[in-house]
Amino acid sequence: MALDYNIIGERLKKARTEKGLTQEKLAEKLDVSIAFLSRIERGSSHISLKRLSQVCDILGVTEGMILNGSSSASKTYLSSEFDALLKDSTPDKQKLIYKIAKVINED
């Protein structure tokens, strides 16, 4: 799966604005230029995982939320991944996955 830097940029921008930070303030906190941050938000520059981690720490979001739109706090976390896994599994494997999940979920 290839990363879509346009979507990553949109999610970063949304998280930044929800946090009430301007590009200038975030760029200052990251010690990068405003132009560089703007290019990341537009998807025209790629962001390294190290830099992404720094941004996420400042914005209070997870890397998963920025990279694929999912949050471990979400009720639909990994839903599409489980759907794909089950779809590609034989009925016997689906039954085994269900039994394992049921045991894990019994608390």
N, C-alpha and C. Protein backbone atom coordinates (compact mmCIF):
# COMPACT_ATOMS: atom_id res chain seq x y z
N MET A 1 0.85 -1.18 0.00
CA MET A 1 0.00 0.00 0.00
C MET A 1 0.90 1.25 0.00
N ALA A 2 0.72 2.08 -0.99
CA ALA A 2 1.49 3.31 -1.09
C ALA A 2 0.85 4.39 -0.22
N LEU A 3 1.69 5.22 0.35
CA LEU A 3 1.19 6.32 1.16
C LEU A 3 0.68 7.43 0.26
N ASP A 4 -0.45 8.00 0.62
CA ASP A 4 -1.00 9.14 -0.10
C ASP A 4 -0.66 10.39 0.70
N TYR A 5 0.36 11.10 0.26
CA TYR A 5 0.85 12.25 1.01
C TYR A 5 -0.13 13.42 1.00
N ASN A 6 -1.03 13.44 0.02
CA ASN A 6 -2.07 14.48 0.03
C ASN A 6 -3.02 14.28 1.20
N ILE A 7 -3.43 13.03 1.40
CA ILE A 7 -4.34 12.73 2.51
C ILE A 7 -3.64 12.92 3.85
N ILE A 8 -2.38 12.49 3.93
CA ILE A 8 -1.60 12.69 5.17
C ILE A 8 -1.52 14.18 5.48
N GLY A 9 -1.24 14.98 4.48
CA GLY A 9 -1.17 16.43 4.66
C GLY A 9 -2.49 17.02 5.13
N GLU A 10 -3.59 16.54 4.54
CA GLU A 10 -4.91 17.03 4.95
C GLU A 10 -5.19 16.69 6.40
N ARG A 11 -4.84 15.47 6.81
CA ARG A 11 -5.07 15.06 8.19
C ARG A 11 -4.20 15.86 9.16
N LEU A 12 -2.96 16.12 8.76
CA LEU A 12 -2.09 16.94 9.61
C LEU A 12 -2.64 18.36 9.76
N LYS A 13 -3.09 18.92 8.65
CA LYS A 13 -3.66 20.28 8.69
C LYS A 13 -4.89 20.31 9.58
N LYS A 14 -5.76 19.32 9.45
CA LYS A 14 -6.97 19.26 10.26
C LYS A 14 -6.61 19.16 11.74
N ALA A 15 -5.65 18.29 12.07
CA ALA A 15 -5.22 18.14 13.48
C ALA A 15 -4.61 19.44 14.00
N ARG A 16 -3.84 20.11 13.15
CA ARG A 16 -3.22 21.38 13.55
C ARG A 16 -4.27 22.44 13.85
N THR A 17 -5.25 22.56 12.95
CA THR A 17 -6.27 23.59 13.15
C THR A 17 -7.17 23.25 14.34
N GLU A 18 -7.45 21.96 14.55
CA GLU A 18 -8.25 21.56 15.71
C GLU A 18 -7.52 21.86 17.01
N LYS A 19 -6.20 21.82 16.97
CA LYS A 19 -5.38 22.13 18.14
C LYS A 19 -5.24 23.65 18.32
N GLY A 20 -5.70 24.41 17.32
CA GLY A 20 -5.65 25.87 17.40
C GLY A 20 -4.28 26.45 17.10
N LEU A 21 -3.46 25.70 16.36
CA LEU A 21 -2.13 26.18 16.01
C LEU A 21 -2.09 26.70 14.58
N THR A 22 -1.37 27.79 14.39
CA THR A 22 -1.12 28.28 13.03
C THR A 22 0.06 27.50 12.47
N GLN A 23 0.25 27.59 11.17
CA GLN A 23 1.43 26.98 10.56
C GLN A 23 2.70 27.58 11.17
N GLU A 24 2.67 28.87 11.41
CA GLU A 24 3.83 29.54 11.97
C GLU A 24 4.21 28.96 13.34
N LYS A 25 3.22 28.77 14.21
CA LYS A 25 3.48 28.26 15.56
C LYS A 25 3.98 26.81 15.51
N LEU A 26 3.34 25.99 14.67
CA LEU A 26 3.76 24.60 14.57
C LEU A 26 5.17 24.50 13.98
N ALA A 27 5.43 25.28 12.95
CA ALA A 27 6.76 25.29 12.33
C ALA A 27 7.82 25.69 13.36
N GLU A 28 7.49 26.66 14.19
CA GLU A 28 8.42 27.12 15.23
C GLU A 28 8.70 25.99 16.23
N LYS A 29 7.64 25.28 16.65
CA LYS A 29 7.80 24.18 17.60
C LYS A 29 8.64 23.04 17.01
N LEU A 30 8.53 22.85 15.69
CA LEU A 30 9.26 21.78 15.02
C LEU A 30 10.65 22.21 14.55
N ASP A 31 10.90 23.51 14.60
CA ASP A 31 12.14 24.08 14.10
C ASP A 31 12.33 23.78 12.61
N VAL A 32 11.24 24.03 11.86
CA VAL A 32 11.27 23.91 10.40
C VAL A 32 10.70 25.19 9.81
N SER A 33 10.86 25.36 8.52
CA SER A 33 10.31 26.56 7.88
C SER A 33 8.80 26.41 7.67
N ILE A 34 8.14 27.54 7.62
CA ILE A 34 6.70 27.55 7.34
C ILE A 34 6.46 26.97 5.95
N ALA A 35 7.34 27.28 5.01
CA ALA A 35 7.19 26.78 3.64
C ALA A 35 7.24 25.26 3.62
N PHE A 36 8.16 24.67 4.40
CA PHE A 36 8.27 23.21 4.45
C PHE A 36 6.99 22.60 5.02
N LEU A 37 6.49 23.17 6.11
CA LEU A 37 5.26 22.67 6.72
C LEU A 37 4.09 22.81 5.75
N SER A 38 4.04 23.90 5.04
CA SER A 38 2.98 24.12 4.05
C SER A 38 3.03 23.06 2.95
N ARG A 39 4.24 22.73 2.49
CA ARG A 39 4.39 21.69 1.45
C ARG A 39 3.95 20.33 1.97
N ILE A 40 4.22 20.04 3.23
CA ILE A 40 3.77 18.78 3.82
C ILE A 40 2.24 18.74 3.86
N GLU A 41 1.63 19.83 4.30
CA GLU A 41 0.17 19.87 4.39
C GLU A 41 -0.49 19.80 3.02
N ARG A 42 0.18 20.27 1.99
CA ARG A 42 -0.35 20.18 0.63
C ARG A 42 -0.04 18.84 -0.03
N GLY A 43 0.83 18.05 0.60
CA GLY A 43 1.19 16.75 0.04
C GLY A 43 2.29 16.82 -1.00
N SER A 44 2.91 17.98 -1.17
CA SER A 44 3.96 18.11 -2.18
C SER A 44 5.34 17.77 -1.63
N SER A 45 5.46 17.62 -0.30
CA SER A 45 6.70 17.15 0.32
C SER A 45 6.37 15.95 1.20
N HIS A 46 7.27 15.00 1.22
CA HIS A 46 7.08 13.82 2.06
C HIS A 46 7.58 14.12 3.46
N ILE A 47 6.98 13.48 4.43
CA ILE A 47 7.37 13.66 5.82
C ILE A 47 8.01 12.36 6.31
N SER A 48 9.13 12.48 7.01
CA SER A 48 9.79 11.29 7.55
C SER A 48 9.01 10.78 8.75
N LEU A 49 9.21 9.52 9.08
CA LEU A 49 8.52 8.96 10.24
C LEU A 49 8.96 9.65 11.54
N LYS A 50 10.23 10.02 11.60
CA LYS A 50 10.72 10.73 12.79
C LYS A 50 10.01 12.07 12.94
N ARG A 51 9.92 12.82 11.85
CA ARG A 51 9.26 14.13 11.88
C ARG A 51 7.76 13.95 12.15
N LEU A 52 7.16 12.92 11.54
CA LEU A 52 5.74 12.66 11.76
C LEU A 52 5.48 12.40 13.24
N SER A 53 6.35 11.63 13.88
CA SER A 53 6.20 11.34 15.30
C SER A 53 6.27 12.63 16.12
N GLN A 54 7.18 13.54 15.76
CA GLN A 54 7.30 14.82 16.46
C GLN A 54 6.01 15.64 16.30
N VAL A 55 5.49 15.70 15.08
CA VAL A 55 4.27 16.46 14.81
C VAL A 55 3.11 15.87 15.61
N CYS A 56 2.99 14.55 15.58
CA CYS A 56 1.89 13.89 16.30
C CYS A 56 1.96 14.16 17.79
N ASP A 57 3.16 14.15 18.36
CA ASP A 57 3.32 14.45 19.78
C ASP A 57 2.81 15.86 20.10
N ILE A 58 3.18 16.81 19.26
CA ILE A 58 2.76 18.19 19.47
C ILE A 58 1.25 18.35 19.31
N LEU A 59 0.69 17.67 18.31
CA LEU A 59 -0.73 17.82 18.01
C LEU A 59 -1.62 16.92 18.85
N GLY A 60 -1.02 15.96 19.56
CA GLY A 60 -1.81 15.07 20.41
C GLY A 60 -2.64 14.06 19.63
N VAL A 61 -2.10 13.61 18.50
CA VAL A 61 -2.77 12.59 17.70
C VAL A 61 -1.80 11.43 17.50
N THR A 62 -2.33 10.29 17.07
CA THR A 62 -1.47 9.13 16.83
C THR A 62 -1.00 9.13 15.38
N GLU A 63 0.11 8.45 15.17
CA GLU A 63 0.61 8.29 13.81
C GLU A 63 -0.39 7.51 12.96
N GLY A 64 -1.05 6.53 13.59
CA GLY A 64 -2.07 5.75 12.88
C GLY A 64 -3.20 6.60 12.36
N MET A 65 -3.60 7.59 13.17
CA MET A 65 -4.67 8.48 12.74
C MET A 65 -4.25 9.29 11.52
N ILE A 66 -3.00 9.74 11.51
CA ILE A 66 -2.52 10.54 10.39
C ILE A 66 -2.27 9.67 9.16
N LEU A 67 -1.68 8.50 9.34
CA LEU A 67 -1.32 7.65 8.21
C LEU A 67 -2.51 6.94 7.58
N ASN A 68 -3.41 6.43 8.41
CA ASN A 68 -4.52 5.67 7.81
C ASN A 68 -5.90 6.04 8.34
N GLY A 69 -5.97 7.10 9.12
CA GLY A 69 -7.27 7.60 9.58
C GLY A 69 -7.88 6.81 10.71
N SER A 70 -7.11 5.90 11.32
CA SER A 70 -7.68 5.11 12.41
C SER A 70 -7.02 5.46 13.72
N SER A 71 -7.80 5.34 14.74
CA SER A 71 -7.31 5.59 16.10
C SER A 71 -7.68 4.40 16.95
N SER A 72 -6.78 3.97 17.81
CA SER A 72 -7.08 2.83 18.67
C SER A 72 -8.24 3.14 19.62
N ALA A 73 -8.57 4.41 19.76
CA ALA A 73 -9.70 4.79 20.62
C ALA A 73 -11.03 4.71 19.88
N SER A 74 -10.97 4.55 18.57
CA SER A 74 -12.18 4.49 17.74
C SER A 74 -12.85 3.12 17.83
N LYS A 75 -14.17 3.12 17.80
CA LYS A 75 -14.90 1.85 17.83
C LYS A 75 -14.70 1.06 16.53
N THR A 76 -14.29 1.72 15.45
CA THR A 76 -14.07 1.03 14.17
C THR A 76 -12.60 0.76 13.91
N TYR A 77 -11.77 0.88 14.95
CA TYR A 77 -10.34 0.63 14.81
C TYR A 77 -10.11 -0.78 14.25
N LEU A 78 -9.37 -0.85 13.18
CA LEU A 78 -8.99 -2.09 12.50
C LEU A 78 -10.17 -2.84 11.87
N SER A 79 -11.34 -2.23 11.79
CA SER A 79 -12.50 -2.92 11.22
C SER A 79 -12.26 -3.36 9.78
N SER A 80 -11.75 -2.46 8.96
CA SER A 80 -11.53 -2.84 7.56
C SER A 80 -10.44 -3.89 7.43
N GLU A 81 -9.43 -3.83 8.33
CA GLU A 81 -8.37 -4.84 8.30
C GLU A 81 -8.92 -6.22 8.67
N PHE A 82 -9.79 -6.26 9.70
CA PHE A 82 -10.40 -7.53 10.08
C PHE A 82 -11.33 -8.03 8.98
N ASP A 83 -12.09 -7.15 8.37
CA ASP A 83 -12.97 -7.55 7.27
C ASP A 83 -12.17 -8.19 6.14
N ALA A 84 -11.05 -7.57 5.77
CA ALA A 84 -10.21 -8.12 4.70
C ALA A 84 -9.61 -9.45 5.11
N LEU A 85 -9.16 -9.55 6.35
CA LEU A 85 -8.58 -10.80 6.85
C LEU A 85 -9.60 -11.93 6.79
N LEU A 86 -10.80 -11.65 7.26
CA LEU A 86 -11.84 -12.68 7.26
C LEU A 86 -12.26 -13.05 5.84
N LYS A 87 -12.35 -12.07 4.98
CA LYS A 87 -12.75 -12.32 3.59
C LYS A 87 -11.76 -13.25 2.90
N ASP A 88 -10.47 -13.10 3.22
CA ASP A 88 -9.44 -13.90 2.58
C ASP A 88 -9.17 -15.22 3.28
N SER A 89 -9.91 -15.51 4.36
CA SER A 89 -9.70 -16.74 5.13
C SER A 89 -10.73 -17.80 4.76
N THR A 90 -10.33 -19.04 4.92
CA THR A 90 -11.26 -20.16 4.71
C THR A 90 -12.27 -20.15 5.86
N PRO A 91 -13.40 -20.84 5.69
CA PRO A 91 -14.37 -20.91 6.79
C PRO A 91 -13.77 -21.49 8.08
N ASP A 92 -12.89 -22.47 7.96
CA ASP A 92 -12.26 -23.04 9.15
C ASP A 92 -11.39 -22.00 9.86
N LYS A 93 -10.63 -21.23 9.10
CA LYS A 93 -9.80 -20.19 9.70
C LYS A 93 -10.65 -19.08 10.30
N GLN A 94 -11.77 -18.74 9.65
CA GLN A 94 -12.68 -17.73 10.20
C GLN A 94 -13.21 -18.18 11.55
N LYS A 95 -13.56 -19.45 11.65
CA LYS A 95 -14.08 -19.99 12.91
C LYS A 95 -13.01 -19.92 14.00
N LEU A 96 -11.78 -20.25 13.66
CA LEU A 96 -10.67 -20.20 14.62
C LEU A 96 -10.42 -18.76 15.07
N ILE A 97 -10.41 -17.82 14.12
CA ILE A 97 -10.21 -16.41 14.45
C ILE A 97 -11.32 -15.94 15.40
N TYR A 98 -12.54 -16.33 15.12
CA TYR A 98 -13.67 -15.96 15.98
C TYR A 98 -13.50 -16.50 17.39
N LYS A 99 -13.14 -17.78 17.49
CA LYS A 99 -12.96 -18.40 18.81
C LYS A 99 -11.85 -17.70 19.61
N ILE A 100 -10.75 -17.39 18.94
CA ILE A 100 -9.64 -16.71 19.62
C ILE A 100 -10.07 -15.32 20.08
N ALA A 101 -10.75 -14.59 19.19
CA ALA A 101 -11.20 -13.24 19.53
C ALA A 101 -12.20 -13.28 20.70
N LYS A 102 -13.06 -14.28 20.70
CA LYS A 102 -14.06 -14.40 21.76
C LYS A 102 -13.39 -14.65 23.11
N VAL A 103 -12.37 -15.51 23.13
CA VAL A 103 -11.63 -15.78 24.38
C VAL A 103 -10.93 -14.52 24.86
N ILE A 104 -10.29 -13.80 23.95
CA ILE A 104 -9.58 -12.58 24.31
C ILE A 104 -10.54 -11.52 24.84
N ASN A 105 -11.72 -11.45 24.27
CA ASN A 105 -12.69 -10.42 24.62
C ASN A 105 -13.44 -10.71 25.91
N GLU A 106 -13.36 -11.93 26.44
CA GLU A 106 -14.07 -12.29 27.67
C GLU A 106 -13.29 -11.80 28.88
N ASP A 107 -13.66 -10.66 29.36
CA ASP A 107 -13.02 -10.11 30.57
C ASP A 107 -14.02 -9.75 31.61
